[in-house]
Protein backbone atom coordinates (compact mmCIF):
# COMPACT_ATOMS: atom_id res chain seq x y z
CA UNK A 1 21.72 14.46 -6.94
CA UNK A 2 18.65 13.01 -7.38
CA UNK A 3 18.18 10.57 -10.47
CA UNK A 4 15.26 10.95 -12.55
CA UNK A 5 14.03 7.25 -13.71
CA UNK A 6 11.41 8.15 -16.09
CA UNK A 7 9.12 10.41 -17.62
CA UNK A 8 5.89 10.46 -20.34
CA UNK A 9 2.57 9.40 -19.72
CA UNK A 10 3.94 7.84 -16.35
CA UNK A 11 5.04 10.35 -13.72
CA UNK A 12 8.25 8.03 -13.00
CA UNK A 13 10.27 8.53 -9.65
CA UNK A 14 12.82 11.07 -8.56
CA UNK A 15 15.26 9.44 -6.03
CA UNK A 16 14.79 11.12 -2.18
CA UNK A 17 16.55 10.13 0.59
CA UNK A 18 14.27 11.78 3.40
CA UNK A 19 11.54 14.55 4.34
CA UNK A 20 7.90 14.43 2.50
CA UNK A 21 7.82 12.04 -0.17
CA UNK A 22 5.87 12.94 -3.27
CA UNK A 23 4.04 11.09 -5.62
CA UNK A 24 6.77 11.39 -8.66
CA UNK A 25 9.09 10.83 -5.79
CA UNK A 26 10.62 7.26 -4.26
CA UNK A 27 12.71 6.36 -1.28
CA UNK A 28 15.84 4.10 -1.64
CA UNK A 29 14.69 0.50 -2.70
CA UNK A 30 15.29 -1.30 0.75
CA UNK A 31 12.73 1.69 2.54
CA UNK A 32 10.19 1.78 -0.33
CA UNK A 33 9.81 -2.17 -0.29
CA UNK A 34 9.12 -2.05 3.73
CA UNK A 35 6.72 0.95 3.44
CA UNK A 36 5.01 -1.19 0.91
CA UNK A 37 4.83 -4.03 3.11
CA UNK A 38 3.20 -1.35 5.68
CA UNK A 39 0.42 -0.73 3.18
CA UNK A 40 -0.24 -4.37 2.44
CA UNK A 41 -0.72 -5.05 6.68
CA UNK A 42 -3.05 -1.33 6.47
CA UNK A 43 -5.30 -3.24 3.70
CA UNK A 44 -5.18 -6.68 4.95
CA UNK A 45 -7.92 -6.76 7.07
CA UNK A 46 -10.73 -5.51 5.64
CA UNK A 47 -9.63 -6.53 2.31
CA UNK A 48 -9.68 -10.50 3.81
CA UNK A 49 -13.37 -9.19 5.63
CA UNK A 50 -15.22 -8.32 3.38
CA UNK A 51 -14.98 -11.54 0.93
CA UNK A 52 -15.70 -14.19 4.11
CA UNK A 53 -19.20 -12.01 5.23
CA UNK A 54 -19.82 -12.43 1.25
CA UNK A 55 -18.60 -16.09 1.17
CA UNK A 56 -16.25 -15.66 -1.51
CA UNK A 57 -12.45 -16.83 -1.42
CA UNK A 58 -10.01 -14.30 0.20
CA UNK A 59 -7.17 -15.82 -1.75
CA UNK A 60 -8.79 -14.81 -4.58
CA UNK A 61 -9.90 -11.28 -3.37
CA UNK A 62 -6.16 -10.48 -2.37
CA UNK A 63 -4.62 -11.66 -5.50
CA UNK A 64 -7.18 -9.14 -7.58
CA UNK A 65 -6.92 -6.71 -4.83
CA UNK A 66 -2.85 -6.51 -6.01
CA UNK A 67 -4.15 -7.02 -9.71
CA UNK A 68 -6.56 -4.25 -9.56
CA UNK A 69 -4.41 -1.67 -7.99
CA UNK A 70 -1.90 -2.03 -10.74
CA UNK A 71 -4.40 -1.64 -13.10
CA UNK A 72 -5.55 1.73 -11.08
CA UNK A 73 -1.85 2.65 -11.31
CA UNK A 74 -1.92 2.32 -15.36
CA UNK A 75 -5.09 4.06 -16.04
CA UNK A 76 -4.15 7.39 -13.72
CA UNK A 77 -0.74 6.79 -15.05
CA UNK A 78 0.77 6.64 -11.39
CA UNK A 79 -0.43 9.95 -10.62
CA UNK A 80 -2.73 8.95 -7.81
CA UNK A 81 -1.44 7.48 -5.01
CA UNK A 82 -4.04 4.82 -3.50
CA UNK A 83 -4.77 0.75 -2.72
CA UNK A 84 -7.55 -0.71 -4.01
CA UNK A 85 -8.97 -3.12 -1.46
CA UNK A 86 -12.14 -5.28 -1.38
CA UNK A 87 -15.14 -2.91 -1.09
CA UNK A 88 -18.00 -3.38 1.82
CA UNK A 89 -20.63 -1.50 -0.37
CA UNK A 90 -21.10 -4.97 -1.86
CA UNK A 91 -21.77 -6.84 1.22
CA UNK A 92 -25.40 -6.27 1.54
CA UNK A 93 -26.31 -6.09 -1.74
CA UNK A 94 -24.30 -9.94 -2.37
CA UNK A 95 -25.90 -11.60 0.53
CA UNK A 96 -29.62 -10.48 -0.99
CA UNK A 97 -28.64 -11.37 -4.50
CA UNK A 98 -27.30 -14.74 -3.53
CA UNK A 99 -29.34 -15.75 -0.52
CA UNK A 100 -25.86 -16.48 1.13
CA UNK A 101 -26.88 -17.93 4.86
CA UNK A 102 -23.27 -16.60 5.99
CA UNK A 103 -21.49 -19.61 6.71
CA UNK A 104 -19.19 -21.44 4.39
CA UNK A 105 -18.31 -20.68 0.55
CA UNK A 106 -21.50 -18.84 -1.20
CA UNK A 107 -22.67 -21.31 -4.00
CA UNK A 108 -23.81 -18.82 -5.96
CA UNK A 109 -20.97 -16.46 -6.03
CA UNK A 110 -21.26 -16.54 -9.95
CA UNK A 111 -24.72 -14.67 -10.06
CA UNK A 112 -22.90 -11.95 -7.47
CA UNK A 113 -19.74 -11.32 -9.75
CA UNK A 114 -22.08 -10.84 -12.92
CA UNK A 115 -24.28 -8.06 -10.86
CA UNK A 116 -20.43 -7.12 -9.62
CA UNK A 117 -19.44 -6.24 -13.30
CA UNK A 118 -22.51 -4.65 -14.15
CA UNK A 119 -21.71 -2.00 -11.25
CA UNK A 120 -18.02 -1.64 -12.89
CA UNK A 121 -19.65 -1.16 -16.19
CA UNK A 122 -21.43 1.86 -14.68
CA UNK A 123 -18.99 3.02 -13.24
CA UNK A 124 -16.74 3.30 -15.89
CA UNK A 125 -19.53 5.00 -18.02
CA UNK A 126 -19.71 7.37 -15.03
CA UNK A 127 -15.91 7.84 -15.37
CA UNK A 128 -15.48 8.75 -18.96
CA UNK A 129 -18.63 10.92 -18.56
CA UNK A 130 -15.98 12.77 -16.11
CA UNK A 131 -13.25 12.67 -18.19
CA UNK A 132 -14.75 15.11 -20.47
CA UNK A 133 -17.21 16.85 -18.84
CA UNK A 134 -15.90 17.56 -15.39
CA UNK A 135 -17.41 16.19 -12.03
CA UNK A 136 -19.25 18.96 -10.90
CA UNK A 137 -22.25 17.43 -11.80
CA UNK A 138 -21.68 14.69 -9.11
CA UNK A 139 -21.14 17.31 -6.45
CA UNK A 140 -24.41 19.16 -7.43
CA UNK A 141 -26.26 15.02 -7.28
CA UNK A 142 -24.47 14.02 -4.08
CA UNK A 143 -23.55 16.88 -1.65
CA UNK A 144 -22.50 16.41 1.62
CA UNK A 145 -25.81 15.70 3.08
CA UNK A 146 -26.49 12.79 0.87
CA UNK A 147 -23.39 11.39 0.45
CA UNK A 148 -23.47 11.27 4.54
CA UNK A 149 -26.64 10.45 4.09
CA UNK A 150 -25.68 7.29 2.00
CA UNK A 151 -22.47 6.01 3.74
CA UNK A 152 -24.37 5.94 7.32
CA UNK A 153 -26.99 4.00 5.37
CA UNK A 154 -24.71 1.30 4.29
CA UNK A 155 -23.18 1.09 7.97
CA UNK A 156 -26.57 0.46 9.37
CA UNK A 157 -27.67 -1.97 6.09
CA UNK A 158 -25.03 -4.09 7.20
CA UNK A 159 -25.22 -4.37 10.97
CA UNK A 160 -27.43 -7.40 11.10
CA UNK A 161 -24.63 -9.43 8.88
CA UNK A 162 -22.01 -8.49 12.08
CA UNK A 163 -24.66 -9.47 14.72
CA UNK A 164 -25.44 -12.58 13.22
CA UNK A 165 -21.63 -14.00 13.32
CA UNK A 166 -21.38 -12.55 16.71
CA UNK A 167 -24.38 -14.36 17.89
CA UNK A 168 -23.63 -17.83 16.85
CA UNK A 169 -23.07 -18.78 20.40
CA UNK A 170 -22.88 -17.61 23.56
CA UNK A 171 -19.21 -18.32 23.35
CA UNK A 172 -18.96 -16.66 20.39
CA UNK A 173 -20.46 -13.40 21.72
CA UNK A 174 -18.07 -13.22 24.59
CA UNK A 175 -15.29 -13.57 22.13
CA UNK A 176 -17.16 -10.89 19.68
CA UNK A 177 -16.91 -8.35 22.61
CA UNK A 178 -13.68 -9.45 23.45
CA UNK A 179 -12.19 -8.15 19.63
CA UNK A 180 -14.19 -5.32 20.18
CA UNK A 181 -12.32 -3.92 23.01
CA UNK A 182 -8.54 -5.39 21.32
CA UNK A 183 -9.49 -3.42 18.40
CA UNK A 184 -10.49 -0.53 20.85
CA UNK A 185 -7.68 -0.62 22.77
CA UNK A 186 -5.43 -0.65 19.43
CA UNK A 187 -6.94 2.47 17.70
CA UNK A 188 -6.89 4.58 21.12
CA UNK A 189 -3.76 3.14 22.63
CA UNK A 190 -0.62 1.80 20.46
CA UNK A 191 2.17 4.25 19.26
CA UNK A 192 0.60 6.09 15.60
CA UNK A 193 2.22 3.52 13.57
CA UNK A 194 0.51 0.59 15.28
CA UNK A 195 -2.61 2.42 15.85
CA UNK A 196 -3.18 2.39 11.71
CA UNK A 197 -3.87 -1.43 12.11
CA UNK A 198 -6.76 -1.49 14.45
CA UNK A 199 -8.20 -4.45 12.30
CA UNK A 200 -4.89 -6.33 11.63
CA UNK A 201 -3.81 -6.27 15.23
CA UNK A 202 -6.97 -6.46 17.14
CA UNK A 203 -8.22 -9.73 15.19
CA UNK A 204 -4.78 -11.26 15.97
CA UNK A 205 -5.70 -10.41 19.65
CA UNK A 206 -8.87 -11.57 19.19
CA UNK A 207 -8.29 -14.84 17.45
CA UNK A 208 -5.45 -15.61 20.03
CA UNK A 209 -7.75 -15.37 23.05
CA UNK A 210 -10.07 -17.46 21.36
CA UNK A 211 -7.07 -19.93 20.58
CA UNK A 212 -6.52 -20.40 24.37
CA UNK A 213 -10.08 -20.28 25.78
CA UNK A 214 -11.44 -22.82 22.96
CA UNK A 215 -8.70 -25.19 22.13
CA UNK A 216 -7.00 -24.62 25.37
CA UNK A 217 -10.01 -24.72 28.30
CA UNK A 218 -12.56 -26.62 25.77
CA UNK A 219 -14.82 -23.40 26.42
CA UNK A 220 -16.04 -22.83 22.95
CA UNK A 221 -16.13 -24.83 19.70
CA UNK A 222 -12.36 -25.54 18.98
CA UNK A 223 -10.54 -24.24 15.73
CA UNK A 224 -9.67 -26.82 13.48
CA UNK A 225 -6.55 -26.74 11.60
CA UNK A 226 -6.65 -29.60 9.54
CA UNK A 227 -7.69 -27.59 6.52
CA UNK A 228 -4.25 -25.63 7.73
CA UNK A 229 -2.25 -28.89 7.86
CA UNK A 230 -3.20 -30.16 4.35
CA UNK A 231 -3.45 -26.79 2.35
CA UNK A 232 -0.05 -26.56 -0.27
CA UNK A 233 2.05 -23.71 0.17
CA UNK A 234 1.98 -22.71 -3.48
CA UNK A 235 -1.24 -22.89 -5.87
CA UNK A 236 -3.74 -20.87 -8.39
CA UNK A 237 -6.18 -18.79 -6.68
CA UNK A 238 -10.08 -20.39 -7.08
CA UNK A 239 -11.19 -18.33 -10.26
CA UNK A 240 -14.88 -18.39 -10.60
CA UNK A 241 -16.65 -17.38 -13.88
CA UNK A 242 -19.38 -14.83 -13.44
CA UNK A 243 -22.96 -15.21 -15.01
CA UNK A 244 -25.56 -12.83 -15.58
CA UNK A 245 -28.86 -12.49 -13.90
CA UNK A 246 -31.01 -9.42 -14.82
CA UNK A 247 -32.67 -9.52 -11.22
CA UNK A 248 -28.67 -9.67 -9.56
CA UNK A 249 -27.26 -6.97 -11.76
CA UNK A 250 -30.34 -4.58 -10.91
CA UNK A 251 -29.89 -5.23 -7.36
CA UNK A 252 -25.82 -4.66 -7.28
CA UNK A 253 -25.51 -2.12 -10.09
CA UNK A 254 -26.60 0.77 -8.09
CA UNK A 255 -23.69 0.22 -5.54
CA UNK A 256 -21.72 1.75 -8.49
CA UNK A 257 -22.74 5.28 -7.29
CA UNK A 258 -21.67 4.83 -3.69
CA UNK A 259 -18.31 4.25 -5.22
CA UNK A 260 -17.83 7.31 -6.94
CA UNK A 261 -18.79 9.36 -3.93
CA UNK A 262 -16.58 7.37 -2.13
CA UNK A 263 -13.86 7.61 -4.61
CA UNK A 264 -14.09 11.48 -4.88
CA UNK A 265 -13.83 11.71 -0.98
CA UNK A 266 -10.59 9.59 -0.65
CA UNK A 267 -8.98 11.36 -4.20
CA UNK A 268 -9.70 15.11 -2.56
CA UNK A 269 -8.48 14.13 0.58
CA UNK A 270 -5.02 12.44 -0.97
CA UNK A 271 -4.87 15.74 -2.75
CA UNK A 272 -5.41 17.82 0.34
CA UNK A 273 -2.56 15.89 1.91
CA UNK A 274 -0.19 16.40 -0.71
CA UNK A 275 -1.20 19.95 -0.94
CA UNK A 276 -1.99 19.38 -5.14
CA UNK A 277 -4.85 19.39 -6.62
CA UNK A 278 -5.49 16.12 -7.96
CA UNK A 279 -9.28 17.21 -9.64
CA UNK A 280 -8.46 16.52 -13.39
CA UNK A 281 -7.51 12.89 -12.70
CA UNK A 282 -10.79 11.85 -10.90
CA UNK A 283 -12.23 10.70 -14.02
CA UNK A 284 -9.62 8.52 -14.38
CA UNK A 285 -9.30 7.46 -11.12
CA UNK A 286 -13.41 6.15 -11.23
CA UNK A 287 -12.46 4.49 -14.88
CA UNK A 288 -9.12 2.65 -12.92
CA UNK A 289 -11.46 1.65 -10.28
CA UNK A 290 -14.29 0.12 -12.22
CA UNK A 291 -11.74 -1.58 -14.80
CA UNK A 292 -10.40 -3.06 -11.85
CA UNK A 293 -13.88 -4.80 -10.56
CA UNK A 294 -14.73 -5.85 -13.55
CA UNK A 295 -11.67 -7.55 -14.21
CA UNK A 296 -11.86 -8.76 -10.29
CA UNK A 297 -15.37 -10.03 -10.59
CA UNK A 298 -14.73 -11.52 -13.90
CA UNK A 299 -12.01 -14.31 -11.83
CA UNK A 300 -14.00 -14.74 -8.87
CA UNK A 301 -12.75 -11.43 -6.95
CA UNK A 302 -15.01 -9.19 -4.69
CA UNK A 303 -15.68 -5.16 -6.42
CA UNK A 304 -12.92 -2.99 -5.37
CA UNK A 305 -12.31 0.64 -4.22
CA UNK A 306 -9.38 3.03 -2.99
CA UNK A 307 -8.83 2.53 0.54
CA UNK A 308 -9.27 4.79 3.17
CA UNK A 309 -6.61 2.93 5.66
CA UNK A 310 -3.73 3.42 2.97
CA UNK A 311 -4.98 6.77 3.21
CA UNK A 312 -4.16 6.84 6.57
CA UNK A 313 -0.78 5.25 6.50
CA UNK A 314 0.33 7.95 3.78
CA UNK A 315 -0.86 10.62 6.52
CA UNK A 316 1.49 9.19 9.13
CA UNK A 317 4.42 8.34 7.34
CA UNK A 318 3.49 11.62 4.67
CA UNK A 319 5.33 9.25 1.81
CA UNK A 320 3.15 9.40 -0.86
CA UNK A 321 5.19 7.73 -3.44
CA UNK A 322 2.96 5.62 -5.87
CA UNK A 323 6.08 3.31 -6.29
CA UNK A 324 5.21 1.87 -2.95
CA UNK A 325 1.55 0.47 -4.15
CA UNK A 326 3.23 -1.21 -6.24
CA UNK A 327 5.39 -2.77 -4.49
CA UNK A 328 2.16 -3.59 -2.13
CA UNK A 329 0.31 -4.95 -4.93
CA UNK A 330 3.22 -7.02 -6.08
CA UNK A 331 3.30 -8.87 -2.54
CA UNK A 332 -0.84 -9.24 -2.53
CA UNK A 333 -0.47 -10.98 -5.49
CA UNK A 334 1.91 -13.29 -4.48
CA UNK A 335 -0.18 -14.29 -1.36
CA UNK A 336 -2.95 -14.89 -3.55
CA UNK A 337 -0.60 -17.91 -4.57
CA UNK A 338 -0.88 -19.58 -1.07
CA UNK A 339 -3.38 -21.68 -0.84
CA UNK A 340 -2.23 -22.24 2.83
CA UNK A 341 -2.78 -18.18 3.52
CA UNK A 342 -5.94 -18.96 2.25
CA UNK A 343 -6.53 -22.22 4.56
CA UNK A 344 -5.05 -20.21 7.82
CA UNK A 345 -8.25 -17.30 6.95
CA UNK A 346 -10.55 -19.68 6.88
CA UNK A 347 -9.67 -20.51 10.77
CA UNK A 348 -11.05 -16.86 11.88
CA UNK A 349 -13.75 -18.05 13.83
CA UNK A 350 -17.20 -16.20 13.81
CA UNK A 351 -17.29 -14.90 17.06
CA UNK A 352 -13.81 -13.15 16.32
CA UNK A 353 -15.29 -11.90 12.63
CA UNK A 354 -18.34 -10.75 14.22
CA UNK A 355 -16.23 -8.42 16.69
CA UNK A 356 -14.50 -6.94 13.79
CA UNK A 357 -17.37 -6.29 11.66
CA UNK A 358 -19.43 -4.64 14.51
CA UNK A 359 -16.47 -2.20 14.75
CA UNK A 360 -15.80 -1.81 10.70
CA UNK A 361 -19.70 -1.79 10.22
CA UNK A 362 -20.21 0.84 12.78
CA UNK A 363 -17.09 3.08 11.51
CA UNK A 364 -18.78 3.04 8.27
CA UNK A 365 -22.13 4.43 9.41
CA UNK A 366 -20.03 7.07 11.66
CA UNK A 367 -18.59 8.03 9.13
CA UNK A 368 -21.30 9.79 7.53
CA UNK A 369 -21.76 11.72 11.04
CA UNK A 370 -18.28 12.64 10.13
CA UNK A 371 -18.80 13.91 6.71
CA UNK A 372 -21.81 15.87 7.63
CA UNK A 373 -20.13 17.61 11.18
CA UNK A 374 -16.48 18.27 8.78
CA UNK A 375 -18.73 20.38 5.83
CA UNK A 376 -21.15 21.94 8.49
CA UNK A 377 -23.93 20.84 7.22
CA UNK A 378 -27.27 22.26 8.69
CA UNK A 379 -29.81 19.77 10.30
CA UNK A 380 -32.07 22.78 11.08
CA UNK A 381 -33.19 22.76 7.40
CA UNK A 382 -36.08 20.80 7.30
CA UNK A 383 -34.70 19.49 3.51
CA UNK A 384 -31.74 17.91 5.22
CA UNK A 385 -32.87 16.54 8.01
CA UNK A 386 -35.53 14.85 6.16
CA UNK A 387 -33.24 13.58 3.31
CA UNK A 388 -30.95 12.03 6.16
CA UNK A 389 -33.80 10.86 7.89
CA UNK A 390 -35.28 8.75 5.24
CA UNK A 391 -32.14 7.35 3.77
CA UNK A 392 -31.41 5.92 7.22
CA UNK A 393 -34.83 4.35 7.74
CA UNK A 394 -34.38 3.18 4.14
CA UNK A 395 -31.26 1.52 4.25
CA UNK A 396 -31.32 -0.06 8.21
CA UNK A 397 -34.81 -1.34 7.43
CA UNK A 398 -33.16 -2.85 4.16
CA UNK A 399 -36.30 -1.47 2.14
CA UNK A 400 -36.88 -3.11 -1.02
CA UNK A 401 -38.95 -1.65 -4.23
CA UNK A 402 -39.64 -3.85 -6.69
CA UNK A 403 -40.23 -2.70 -10.07
CA UNK A 404 -41.68 -5.30 -11.95
CA UNK A 405 -39.23 -8.07 -12.02
CA UNK A 406 -36.22 -6.13 -11.00
CA UNK A 407 -35.65 -5.63 -6.92
CA UNK A 408 -33.77 -2.40 -5.72
CA UNK A 409 -32.44 -3.28 -2.17
CA UNK A 410 -31.81 -1.15 0.91
CA UNK A 411 -28.76 0.26 -0.16
CA UNK A 412 -30.05 1.14 -3.39
CA UNK A 413 -33.29 2.69 -2.24
CA UNK A 414 -31.60 4.81 0.23
CA UNK A 415 -28.68 5.52 -2.16
CA UNK A 416 -31.05 6.92 -5.16
CA UNK A 417 -33.82 8.24 -2.49
CA UNK A 418 -31.55 10.56 -1.00
CA UNK A 419 -30.43 11.75 -4.01
CA UNK A 420 -33.74 12.34 -5.68
CA UNK A 421 -35.64 13.64 -2.57
CA UNK A 422 -32.71 16.11 -1.92
CA UNK A 423 -33.19 17.42 -5.49
CA UNK A 424 -37.21 17.96 -5.04
CA UNK A 425 -36.42 19.69 -1.89
CA UNK A 426 -33.31 21.62 -2.38
CA UNK A 427 -33.56 25.40 -2.61
CA UNK A 428 -32.96 26.87 -5.82
CA UNK A 429 -30.76 29.41 -7.26
CA UNK A 430 -28.05 28.62 -4.36
CA UNK A 431 -24.41 27.38 -4.80
CA UNK A 432 -24.20 23.75 -4.74
CA UNK A 433 -22.66 22.36 -1.40
CA UNK A 434 -19.10 21.23 -1.77
CA UNK A 435 -18.80 17.42 -1.74
CA UNK A 436 -16.98 15.85 1.21
CA UNK A 437 -12.93 15.80 1.31
CA UNK A 438 -12.29 14.30 3.83
CA UNK A 439 -13.99 11.00 4.50
CA UNK A 440 -10.77 8.97 5.16
CA UNK A 441 -9.67 8.13 8.26
CA UNK A 442 -6.62 10.81 7.70
CA UNK A 443 -6.13 12.10 10.95
């Protein structure tokens, strides 16, 4: 007989031992912990890679991803199963705002944090509006042709960052290729559950191969483990206080629009998998993600977003219990208190990082195409073709628009450019297109 544990604002969990596990149900504790650890592994690669590319501390990012997931759970009342990890949408604008060289700690991280908080505030305002008036206006402003264009533009805008890491040396270039092949092999050939961890497993394979050829045969720059051996097992994350600069805030704040489109697609995808509409929780999902981003940036973490990687795990396991995300969040917070863990992450060589980034950023760009295909975007219509063409060029070329003392980078110009251009060109009196609902990797 099922045991009801709690009801009210929070969904609570009814014990269920087999079959499909709904958000308000849970497995026995041992199985729940095991599935929670699966979600930690799923989010790990991307959540660690994004802060490294921006020069943030990965320990701090992991810590705040756990905190952010708990905040999200509280705001949505435990009704939307999601894990919040580091958002890649911030990478290009953070690098631009801080003039980050791509190597070592970002010395202007405080400036970036102020901009990320600004994005979180804009995002929160949008969430509050959606709570009171609904989300259909978002679908009107950002139909699939626009969301696909923005997502693809982000991937193309980030491409130079990946190539730069991969081209650190000739040896690193070859190791980047090896890492790409390893990730591809994992994604295609390994059994189902392992196939959902291509970044983590592919990165480990690339790391081991690099270690053998660099440290073992001296063919490349050896991995230095001095920092790892000197690091303590337990310690506080490296917290940083944000500073607020108008230019950085103007450059980074538009990312909020991208997070809205991303989160909307993810929540709808989860709703489709669970067989229930989560539309009434969209405003709270936006607000929860926004507050998590603000809290993360207030202490030195990256902006966060709901993770497609974890949606993929749910699709495979058919376990949608929100309890497992609390477990995953607690594990992430504990990892954040281990400097030894952070030191290990810092030993990842640029060639391996570059290989992982090539795959991830390429997948982001390809997801834009997936949105178009899944939603039947008609490219025989000039308005669609021109909207996409302009957005891709602005994003890939990092078109910067200066307005007085403010600057809007390539992702911002691609986002606002595609939204405005489509509204100018769209057919009047037609039914708004449905927004993309399955941009996450759920198949």
